[in-house]
PDB file of all heavy atoms in Angstrom:
ATOM      1  N   ARG A   1    -206.674 217.580 -49.480  1.00  0.00           N
ATOM      2  CA  ARG A   1    -205.646 216.819 -48.769  1.00  0.00           C
ATOM      3  C   ARG A   1    -204.968 217.746 -47.786  1.00  0.00           C
ATOM      4  O   ARG A   1    -204.951 218.957 -47.970  1.00  0.00           O
ATOM      5  CB  ARG A   1    -204.586 216.272 -49.732  1.00  0.00           C
ATOM      6  CG  ARG A   1    -205.100 215.360 -50.824  1.00  0.00           C
ATOM      7  CD  ARG A   1    -204.001 215.046 -51.801  1.00  0.00           C
ATOM      8  NE  ARG A   1    -204.450 214.251 -52.924  1.00  0.00           N
ATOM      9  CZ  ARG A   1    -203.744 214.036 -54.015  1.00  0.00           C
ATOM     10  NH1 ARG A   1    -202.541 214.549 -54.135  1.00  0.00           N
ATOM     11  NH2 ARG A   1    -204.227 213.287 -55.001  1.00  0.00           N
ATOM     12  N   THR A   2    -204.360 217.175 -46.749  1.00  0.00           N
ATOM     13  CA  THR A   2    -203.562 217.992 -45.851  1.00  0.00           C
ATOM     14  C   THR A   2    -202.276 218.396 -46.573  1.00  0.00           C
ATOM     15  O   THR A   2    -201.886 217.758 -47.571  1.00  0.00           O
ATOM     16  CB  THR A   2    -203.198 217.213 -44.578  1.00  0.00           C
ATOM     17  OG1 THR A   2    -202.325 216.119 -44.933  1.00  0.00           O
ATOM     18  CG2 THR A   2    -204.442 216.670 -43.886  1.00  0.00           C
ATOM     19  N   PRO A   3    -201.599 219.448 -46.097  1.00  0.00           N
ATOM     20  CA  PRO A   3    -200.312 219.798 -46.709  1.00  0.00           C
ATOM     21  C   PRO A   3    -199.314 218.644 -46.681  1.00  0.00           C
ATOM     22  O   PRO A   3    -198.567 218.440 -47.643  1.00  0.00           O
ATOM     23  CB  PRO A   3    -199.825 220.980 -45.860  1.00  0.00           C
ATOM     24  CG  PRO A   3    -201.061 221.559 -45.273  1.00  0.00           C
ATOM     25  CD  PRO A   3    -201.994 220.412 -45.054  1.00  0.00           C
ATOM     26  N   GLN A   4    -199.291 217.884 -45.557  1.00  0.00           N
ATOM     27  CA  GLN A   4    -198.379 216.742 -45.475  1.00  0.00           C
ATOM     28  C   GLN A   4    -198.687 215.711 -46.562  1.00  0.00           C
ATOM     29  O   GLN A   4    -197.779 215.177 -47.202  1.00  0.00           O
ATOM     30  CB  GLN A   4    -198.490 216.064 -44.091  1.00  0.00           C
ATOM     31  CG  GLN A   4    -198.074 216.953 -42.933  1.00  0.00           C
ATOM     32  CD  GLN A   4    -199.280 217.576 -42.249  1.00  0.00           C
ATOM     33  OE1 GLN A   4    -200.230 218.003 -42.905  1.00  0.00           O
ATOM     34  NE2 GLN A   4    -199.235 217.625 -40.926  1.00  0.00           N
ATOM     35  N   GLU A   5    -199.977 215.417 -46.756  1.00  0.00           N
ATOM     36  CA  GLU A   5    -200.384 214.437 -47.766  1.00  0.00           C
ATOM     37  C   GLU A   5    -200.029 214.920 -49.164  1.00  0.00           C
ATOM     38  O   GLU A   5    -199.569 214.132 -50.000  1.00  0.00           O
ATOM     39  CB  GLU A   5    -201.883 214.165 -47.670  1.00  0.00           C
ATOM     40  CG  GLU A   5    -202.297 213.423 -46.406  1.00  0.00           C
ATOM     41  CD  GLU A   5    -203.795 213.406 -46.201  1.00  0.00           C
ATOM     42  OE1 GLU A   5    -204.504 214.256 -46.792  1.00  0.00           O
ATOM     43  OE2 GLU A   5    -204.270 212.551 -45.435  1.00  0.00           O
ATOM     44  N   PHE A   6    -200.235 216.196 -49.430  1.00  0.00           N
ATOM     45  CA  PHE A   6    -199.928 216.733 -50.753  1.00  0.00           C
ATOM     46  C   PHE A   6    -198.432 216.674 -51.023  1.00  0.00           C
ATOM     47  O   PHE A   6    -198.011 216.265 -52.112  1.00  0.00           O
ATOM     48  CB  PHE A   6    -200.413 218.180 -50.861  1.00  0.00           C
ATOM     49  CG  PHE A   6    -200.215 218.777 -52.233  1.00  0.00           C
ATOM     50  CD1 PHE A   6    -201.195 218.661 -53.198  1.00  0.00           C
ATOM     51  CD2 PHE A   6    -199.035 219.446 -52.556  1.00  0.00           C
ATOM     52  CE1 PHE A   6    -201.016 219.202 -54.464  1.00  0.00           C
ATOM     53  CE2 PHE A   6    -198.845 219.989 -53.812  1.00  0.00           C
ATOM     54  CZ  PHE A   6    -199.834 219.866 -54.773  1.00  0.00           C
ATOM     55  N   LEU A   7    -197.610 217.072 -50.043  1.00  0.00           N
ATOM     56  CA  LEU A   7    -196.167 217.044 -50.206  1.00  0.00           C
ATOM     57  C   LEU A   7    -195.681 215.612 -50.427  1.00  0.00           C
ATOM     58  O   LEU A   7    -194.859 215.358 -51.320  1.00  0.00           O
ATOM     59  CB  LEU A   7    -195.484 217.649 -48.974  1.00  0.00           C
ATOM     60  CG  LEU A   7    -193.950 217.608 -48.937  1.00  0.00           C
ATOM     61  CD1 LEU A   7    -193.350 218.338 -50.131  1.00  0.00           C
ATOM     62  CD2 LEU A   7    -193.432 218.206 -47.620  1.00  0.00           C
ATOM     63  N   LEU A   8    -196.200 214.674 -49.636  1.00  0.00           N
ATOM     64  CA  LEU A   8    -195.818 213.275 -49.801  1.00  0.00           C
ATOM     65  C   LEU A   8    -196.198 212.766 -51.183  1.00  0.00           C
ATOM     66  O   LEU A   8    -195.388 212.133 -51.873  1.00  0.00           O
ATOM     67  CB  LEU A   8    -196.488 212.417 -48.726  1.00  0.00           C
ATOM     68  CG  LEU A   8    -196.322 210.903 -48.867  1.00  0.00           C
ATOM     69  CD1 LEU A   8    -194.859 210.500 -48.737  1.00  0.00           C
ATOM     70  CD2 LEU A   8    -197.182 210.158 -47.835  1.00  0.00           C
ATOM     71  N   ASN A   9    -197.423 213.050 -51.610  1.00  0.00           N
ATOM     72  CA  ASN A   9    -197.887 212.578 -52.915  1.00  0.00           C
ATOM     73  C   ASN A   9    -197.077 213.195 -54.043  1.00  0.00           C
ATOM     74  O   ASN A   9    -196.743 212.517 -55.031  1.00  0.00           O
ATOM     75  CB  ASN A   9    -199.365 212.900 -53.082  1.00  0.00           C
ATOM     76  CG  ASN A   9    -199.959 212.236 -54.306  1.00  0.00           C
ATOM     77  OD1 ASN A   9    -200.051 211.023 -54.395  1.00  0.00           O
ATOM     78  ND2 ASN A   9    -200.359 213.047 -55.271  1.00  0.00           N
ATOM     79  N   TYR A  10    -196.728 214.474 -53.891  1.00  0.00           N
ATOM     80  CA  TYR A  10    -195.931 215.140 -54.927  1.00  0.00           C
ATOM     81  C   TYR A  10    -194.554 214.489 -55.028  1.00  0.00           C
ATOM     82  O   TYR A  10    -194.072 214.203 -56.133  1.00  0.00           O
ATOM     83  CB  TYR A  10    -195.786 216.626 -54.600  1.00  0.00           C
ATOM     84  CG  TYR A  10    -195.275 217.437 -55.770  1.00  0.00           C
ATOM     85  CD1 TYR A  10    -196.162 218.012 -56.678  1.00  0.00           C
ATOM     86  CD2 TYR A  10    -193.907 217.638 -55.972  1.00  0.00           C
ATOM     87  CE1 TYR A  10    -195.705 218.744 -57.754  1.00  0.00           C
ATOM     88  CE2 TYR A  10    -193.440 218.363 -57.044  1.00  0.00           C
ATOM     89  CZ  TYR A  10    -194.346 218.925 -57.926  1.00  0.00           C
ATOM     90  OH  TYR A  10    -193.887 219.647 -59.007  1.00  0.00           O
ATOM     91  N   ARG A  11    -193.925 214.251 -53.884  1.00  0.00           N
ATOM     92  CA  ARG A  11    -192.604 213.609 -53.885  1.00  0.00           C
ATOM     93  C   ARG A  11    -192.666 212.206 -54.490  1.00  0.00           C
ATOM     94  O   ARG A  11    -191.812 211.817 -55.297  1.00  0.00           O
ATOM     95  CB  ARG A  11    -192.067 213.541 -52.455  1.00  0.00           C
ATOM     96  CG  ARG A  11    -191.523 214.856 -51.942  1.00  0.00           C
ATOM     97  CD  ARG A  11    -191.200 214.790 -50.468  1.00  0.00           C
ATOM     98  NE  ARG A  11    -190.331 215.901 -50.061  1.00  0.00           N
ATOM     99  CZ  ARG A  11    -190.133 216.283 -48.820  1.00  0.00           C
ATOM    100  NH1 ARG A  11    -190.753 215.641 -47.830  1.00  0.00           N
ATOM    101  NH2 ARG A  11    -189.324 217.289 -48.541  1.00  0.00           N
ATOM    102  N   MET A  12    -193.686 211.433 -54.112  1.00  0.00           N
ATOM    103  CA  MET A  12    -193.780 210.061 -54.612  1.00  0.00           C
ATOM    104  C   MET A  12    -194.083 210.029 -56.111  1.00  0.00           C
ATOM    105  O   MET A  12    -193.595 209.166 -56.843  1.00  0.00           O
ATOM    106  CB  MET A  12    -194.851 209.291 -53.832  1.00  0.00           C
ATOM    107  CG  MET A  12    -194.510 209.053 -52.370  1.00  0.00           C
ATOM    108  SD  MET A  12    -192.945 208.141 -52.133  1.00  0.00           S
ATOM    109  CE  MET A  12    -191.876 209.473 -51.536  1.00  0.00           C
ATOM    110  N   THR A  13    -194.881 210.979 -56.572  1.00  0.00           N
ATOM    111  CA  THR A  13    -195.171 211.041 -58.004  1.00  0.00           C
ATOM    112  C   THR A  13    -193.911 211.373 -58.793  1.00  0.00           C
ATOM    113  O   THR A  13    -193.647 210.778 -59.850  1.00  0.00           O
ATOM    114  CB  THR A  13    -196.265 212.085 -58.296  1.00  0.00           C
ATOM    115  OG1 THR A  13    -197.430 211.766 -57.532  1.00  0.00           O
ATOM    116  CG2 THR A  13    -196.637 212.091 -59.774  1.00  0.00           C
ATOM    117  N   LYS A  14    -193.122 212.311 -58.281  1.00  0.00           N
ATOM    118  CA  LYS A  14    -191.844 212.627 -58.923  1.00  0.00           C
ATOM    119  C   LYS A  14    -190.912 211.412 -58.880  1.00  0.00           C
ATOM    120  O   LYS A  14    -190.181 211.151 -59.851  1.00  0.00           O
ATOM    121  CB  LYS A  14    -191.181 213.813 -58.219  1.00  0.00           C
ATOM    122  CG  LYS A  14    -191.876 215.147 -58.447  1.00  0.00           C
ATOM    123  CD  LYS A  14    -191.764 215.593 -59.894  1.00  0.00           C
ATOM    124  CE  LYS A  14    -192.317 216.992 -60.088  1.00  0.00           C
ATOM    125  NZ  LYS A  14    -192.263 217.423 -61.511  1.00  0.00           N
ATOM    126  N   ALA A  15    -190.959 210.667 -57.786  1.00  0.00           N
ATOM    127  CA  ALA A  15    -190.117 209.472 -57.675  1.00  0.00           C
ATOM    128  C   ALA A  15    -190.506 208.436 -58.723  1.00  0.00           C
ATOM    129  O   ALA A  15    -189.631 207.796 -59.325  1.00  0.00           O
ATOM    130  CB  ALA A  15    -190.235 208.878 -56.268  1.00  0.00           C
ATOM    131  N   THR A  16    -191.815 208.252 -58.966  1.00  0.00           N
ATOM    132  CA  THR A  16    -192.230 207.274 -59.988  1.00  0.00           C
ATOM    133  C   THR A  16    -191.750 207.690 -61.363  1.00  0.00           C
ATOM    134  O   THR A  16    -191.396 206.835 -62.188  1.00  0.00           O
ATOM    135  CB  THR A  16    -193.761 207.095 -60.007  1.00  0.00           C
ATOM    136  OG1 THR A  16    -194.401 208.340 -60.340  1.00  0.00           O
ATOM    137  CG2 THR A  16    -194.269 206.594 -58.679  1.00  0.00           C
ATOM    138  N   GLU A  17    -191.723 208.996 -61.635  1.00  0.00           N
ATOM    139  CA  GLU A  17    -191.179 209.471 -62.923  1.00  0.00           C
ATOM    140  C   GLU A  17    -189.728 209.036 -63.081  1.00  0.00           C
ATOM    141  O   GLU A  17    -189.321 208.524 -64.132  1.00  0.00           O
ATOM    142  CB  GLU A  17    -191.270 210.992 -63.003  1.00  0.00           C
ATOM    143  CG  GLU A  17    -192.644 211.543 -63.296  1.00  0.00           C
ATOM    144  CD  GLU A  17    -192.580 213.040 -63.530  1.00  0.00           C
ATOM    145  OE1 GLU A  17    -191.655 213.698 -63.011  1.00  0.00           O
ATOM    146  OE2 GLU A  17    -193.444 213.554 -64.228  1.00  0.00           O
ATOM    147  N   LEU A  18    -188.946 209.257 -62.024  1.00  0.00           N
ATOM    148  CA  LEU A  18    -187.519 208.934 -62.088  1.00  0.00           C
ATOM    149  C   LEU A  18    -187.299 207.430 -62.153  1.00  0.00           C
ATOM    150  O   LEU A  18    -186.411 206.954 -62.857  1.00  0.00           O
ATOM    151  CB  LEU A  18    -186.796 209.545 -60.885  1.00  0.00           C
ATOM    152  CG  LEU A  18    -186.770 211.075 -60.832  1.00  0.00           C
ATOM    153  CD1 LEU A  18    -186.205 211.562 -59.501  1.00  0.00           C
ATOM    154  CD2 LEU A  18    -185.956 211.644 -61.978  1.00  0.00           C
ATOM    155  N   LEU A  19    -188.104 206.672 -61.421  1.00  0.00           N
ATOM    156  CA  LEU A  19    -187.981 205.216 -61.466  1.00  0.00           C
ATOM    157  C   LEU A  19    -188.329 204.674 -62.845  1.00  0.00           C
ATOM    158  O   LEU A  19    -187.700 203.745 -63.344  1.00  0.00           O
ATOM    159  CB  LEU A  19    -188.904 204.580 -60.414  1.00  0.00           C
ATOM    160  CG  LEU A  19    -188.475 204.742 -58.955  1.00  0.00           C
ATOM    161  CD1 LEU A  19    -189.638 204.378 -58.028  1.00  0.00           C
ATOM    162  CD2 LEU A  19    -187.262 203.880 -58.636  1.00  0.00           C
ATOM    163  N   LYS A  20    -189.330 205.271 -63.462  1.00  0.00           N
ATOM    164  CA  LYS A  20    -189.808 204.780 -64.749  1.00  0.00           C
ATOM    165  C   LYS A  20    -188.910 205.201 -65.899  1.00  0.00           C
ATOM    166  O   LYS A  20    -188.682 204.440 -66.851  1.00  0.00           O
ATOM    167  CB  LYS A  20    -191.235 205.289 -64.990  1.00  0.00           C
ATOM    168  CG  LYS A  20    -191.880 204.758 -66.269  1.00  0.00           C
ATOM    169  CD  LYS A  20    -193.245 205.376 -66.531  1.00  0.00           C
ATOM    170  CE  LYS A  20    -194.242 204.971 -65.469  1.00  0.00           C
ATOM    171  NZ  LYS A  20    -195.610 205.470 -65.800  1.00  0.00           N
ATOM    172  N   LEU A  21    -188.353 206.408 -65.821  1.00  0.00           N
ATOM    173  CA  LEU A  21    -187.712 206.999 -66.999  1.00  0.00           C
ATOM    174  C   LEU A  21    -186.191 207.089 -66.911  1.00  0.00           C
ATOM    175  O   LEU A  21    -185.558 207.500 -67.890  1.00  0.00           O
ATOM    176  CB  LEU A  21    -188.286 208.399 -67.238  1.00  0.00           C
ATOM    177  CG  LEU A  21    -189.806 208.459 -67.469  1.00  0.00           C
ATOM    178  CD1 LEU A  21    -190.271 209.906 -67.558  1.00  0.00           C
ATOM    179  CD2 LEU A  21    -190.194 207.703 -68.730  1.00  0.00           C
ATOM    180  N   THR A  22    -185.579 206.743 -65.749  1.00  0.00           N
ATOM    181  CA  THR A  22    -184.123 206.869 -65.618  1.00  0.00           C
ATOM    182  C   THR A  22    -183.538 205.570 -65.068  1.00  0.00           C
ATOM    183  O   THR A  22    -184.260 204.672 -64.631  1.00  0.00           O
ATOM    184  CB  THR A  22    -183.733 208.020 -64.668  1.00  0.00           C
ATOM    185  OG1 THR A  22    -183.938 207.616 -63.308  1.00  0.00           O
ATOM    186  CG2 THR A  22    -184.536 209.275 -64.955  1.00  0.00           C
ATOM    187  N   GLN A  23    -182.198 205.535 -65.064  1.00  0.00           N
ATOM    188  CA  GLN A  23    -181.471 204.409 -64.488  1.00  0.00           C
ATOM    189  C   GLN A  23    -180.841 204.780 -63.143  1.00  0.00           C
ATOM    190  O   GLN A  23    -179.969 204.061 -62.645  1.00  0.00           O
ATOM    191  CB  GLN A  23    -180.374 203.948 -65.470  1.00  0.00           C
ATOM    192  CG  GLN A  23    -180.893 203.418 -66.786  1.00  0.00           C
ATOM    193  CD  GLN A  23    -181.540 202.048 -66.658  1.00  0.00           C
ATOM    194  OE1 GLN A  23    -181.547 201.450 -65.595  1.00  0.00           O
ATOM    195  NE2 GLN A  23    -182.079 201.529 -67.750  1.00  0.00           N
ATOM    196  N   LEU A  24    -181.252 205.897 -62.558  1.00  0.00           N
ATOM    197  CA  LEU A  24    -180.701 206.323 -61.281  1.00  0.00           C
ATOM    198  C   LEU A  24    -180.932 205.267 -60.208  1.00  0.00           C
ATOM    199  O   LEU A  24    -181.961 204.586 -60.191  1.00  0.00           O
ATOM    200  CB  LEU A  24    -181.343 207.637 -60.837  1.00  0.00           C
ATOM    201  CG  LEU A  24    -180.957 208.915 -61.590  1.00  0.00           C
ATOM    202  CD1 LEU A  24    -181.845 210.070 -61.159  1.00  0.00           C
ATOM    203  CD2 LEU A  24    -179.488 209.239 -61.343  1.00  0.00           C
ATOM    204  N   ALA A  25    -179.972 205.143 -59.291  1.00  0.00           N
ATOM    205  CA  ALA A  25    -180.126 204.224 -58.172  1.00  0.00           C
ATOM    206  C   ALA A  25    -181.290 204.682 -57.294  1.00  0.00           C
ATOM    207  O   ALA A  25    -181.595 205.873 -57.206  1.00  0.00           O
ATOM    208  CB  ALA A  25    -178.837 204.185 -57.359  1.00  0.00           C
ATOM    209  N   VAL A  26    -181.921 203.718 -56.614  1.00  0.00           N
ATOM    210  CA  VAL A  26    -183.071 204.042 -55.774  1.00  0.00           C
ATOM    211  C   VAL A  26    -182.695 205.044 -54.698  1.00  0.00           C
ATOM    212  O   VAL A  26    -183.447 205.984 -54.403  1.00  0.00           O
ATOM    213  CB  VAL A  26    -183.649 202.758 -55.151  1.00  0.00           C
ATOM    214  CG1 VAL A  26    -184.692 203.091 -54.084  1.00  0.00           C
ATOM    215  CG2 VAL A  26    -184.268 201.867 -56.227  1.00  0.00           C
ATOM    216  N   GLY A  27    -181.514 204.889 -54.105  1.00  0.00           N
ATOM    217  CA  GLY A  27    -181.081 205.836 -53.079  1.00  0.00           C
ATOM    218  C   GLY A  27    -180.940 207.246 -53.623  1.00  0.00           C
ATOM    219  O   GLY A  27    -181.286 208.222 -52.950  1.00  0.00           O
ATOM    220  N   ASP A  28    -180.415 207.380 -54.852  1.00  0.00           N
ATOM    221  CA  ASP A  28    -180.268 208.699 -55.475  1.00  0.00           C
ATOM    222  C   ASP A  28    -181.629 209.315 -55.782  1.00  0.00           C
ATOM    223  O   ASP A  28    -181.812 210.534 -55.676  1.00  0.00           O
ATOM    224  CB  ASP A  28    -179.443 208.587 -56.755  1.00  0.00           C
ATOM    225  CG  ASP A  28    -177.982 208.256 -56.467  1.00  0.00           C
ATOM    226  OD1 ASP A  28    -177.513 208.565 -55.354  1.00  0.00           O
ATOM    227  OD2 ASP A  28    -177.326 207.674 -57.357  1.00  0.00           O
ATOM    228  N   ILE A  29    -182.572 208.480 -56.174  1.00  0.00           N
ATOM    229  CA  ILE A  29    -183.918 208.982 -56.443  1.00  0.00           C
ATOM    230  C   ILE A  29    -184.554 209.472 -55.143  1.00  0.00           C
ATOM    231  O   ILE A  29    -185.205 210.518 -55.119  1.00  0.00           O
ATOM    232  CB  ILE A  29    -184.776 207.886 -57.107  1.00  0.00           C
ATOM    233  CG1 ILE A  29    -184.272 207.617 -58.529  1.00  0.00           C
ATOM    234  CG2 ILE A  29    -186.262 208.275 -57.118  1.00  0.00           C
ATOM    235  CD1 ILE A  29    -184.953 206.471 -59.232  1.00  0.00           C
ATOM    236  N   GLY A  30    -184.320 208.728 -54.056  1.00  0.00           N
ATOM    237  CA  GLY A  30    -184.815 209.177 -52.766  1.00  0.00           C
ATOM    238  C   GLY A  30    -184.286 210.554 -52.398  1.00  0.00           C
ATOM    239  O   GLY A  30    -185.039 211.426 -51.965  1.00  0.00           O
ATOM    240  N   LYS A  31    -182.991 210.762 -52.603  1.00  0.00           N
ATOM    241  CA  LYS A  31    -182.389 212.071 -52.313  1.00  0.00           C
ATOM    242  C   LYS A  31    -182.969 213.150 -53.218  1.00  0.00           C
ATOM    243  O   LYS A  31    -183.167 214.295 -52.800  1.00  0.00           O
ATOM    244  CB  LYS A  31    -180.877 212.001 -52.488  1.00  0.00           C
ATOM    245  CG  LYS A  31    -180.164 211.175 -51.421  1.00  0.00           C
ATOM    246  CD  LYS A  31    -178.661 211.150 -51.658  1.00  0.00           C
ATOM    247  CE  LYS A  31    -177.944 210.306 -50.604  1.00  0.00           C
ATOM    248  NZ  LYS A  31    -176.488 210.255 -50.840  1.00  0.00           N
ATOM    249  N   ALA A  32    -183.250 212.781 -54.470  1.00  0.00           N
ATOM    250  CA  ALA A  32    -183.762 213.753 -55.432  1.00  0.00           C
ATOM    251  C   ALA A  32    -185.159 214.243 -55.082  1.00  0.00           C
ATOM    252  O   ALA A  32    -185.579 215.311 -55.546  1.00  0.00           O
ATOM    253  CB  ALA A  32    -183.764 213.141 -56.832  1.00  0.00           C
ATOM    254  N   VAL A  33    -185.881 213.467 -54.260  1.00  0.00           N
ATOM    255  CA  VAL A  33    -187.225 213.885 -53.872  1.00  0.00           C
ATOM    256  C   VAL A  33    -187.320 214.204 -52.383  1.00  0.00           C
ATOM    257  O   VAL A  33    -188.414 214.243 -51.810  1.00  0.00           O
ATOM    258  CB  VAL A  33    -188.275 212.822 -54.262  1.00  0.00           C
ATOM    259  CG1 VAL A  33    -188.315 212.635 -55.766  1.00  0.00           C
ATOM    260  CG2 VAL A  33    -188.028 211.495 -53.553  1.00  0.00           C
ATOM    261  N   GLY A  34    -186.161 214.427 -51.739  1.00  0.00           N
ATOM    262  CA  GLY A  34    -186.188 214.955 -50.378  1.00  0.00           C
ATOM    263  C   GLY A  34    -185.921 213.978 -49.258  1.00  0.00           C
ATOM    264  O   GLY A  34    -186.124 214.313 -48.085  1.00  0.00           O
ATOM    265  N   TYR A  35    -185.457 212.758 -49.575  1.00  0.00           N
ATOM    266  CA  TYR A  35    -185.189 211.760 -48.542  1.00  0.00           C
ATOM    267  C   TYR A  35    -183.695 211.424 -48.511  1.00  0.00           C
ATOM    268  O   TYR A  35    -183.185 210.758 -49.401  1.00  0.00           O
ATOM    269  CB  TYR A  35    -185.986 210.481 -48.804  1.00  0.00           C
ATOM    270  CG  TYR A  35    -187.474 210.631 -48.592  1.00  0.00           C
ATOM    271  CD1 TYR A  35    -188.285 211.112 -49.615  1.00  0.00           C
ATOM    272  CD2 TYR A  35    -188.070 210.291 -47.386  1.00  0.00           C
ATOM    273  CE1 TYR A  35    -189.649 211.252 -49.442  1.00  0.00           C
ATOM    274  CE2 TYR A  35    -189.432 210.426 -47.192  1.00  0.00           C
ATOM    275  CZ  TYR A  35    -190.215 210.919 -48.222  1.00  0.00           C
ATOM    276  OH  TYR A  35    -191.574 211.054 -48.040  1.00  0.00           O
ATOM    277  N   GLU A  36    -183.003 211.881 -47.479  1.00  0.00           N
ATOM    278  CA  GLU A  36    -181.589 211.562 -47.335  1.00  0.00           C
ATOM    279  C   GLU A  36    -181.386 210.098 -46.938  1.00  0.00           C
ATOM    280  O   GLU A  36    -180.401 209.478 -47.292  1.00  0.00           O
ATOM    281  CB  GLU A  36    -180.943 212.482 -46.290  1.00  0.00           C
ATOM    282  CG  GLU A  36    -180.728 213.910 -46.769  1.00  0.00           C
ATOM    283  CD  GLU A  36    -179.736 213.981 -47.921  1.00  0.00           C
ATOM    284  OE1 GLU A  36    -178.760 213.183 -47.939  1.00  0.00           O
ATOM    285  OE2 GLU A  36    -179.925 214.822 -48.818  1.00  0.00           O
TER     286      GLU A  36
END
């Protein structure tokens, strides 16, 4: 994969963990994986 693809996939995979296992708001999860 390109570095961009790997970074995106890593962030999204971490986001699915937080979505699945926590009650954090979606916006907070976005910030937690690098999206302001």
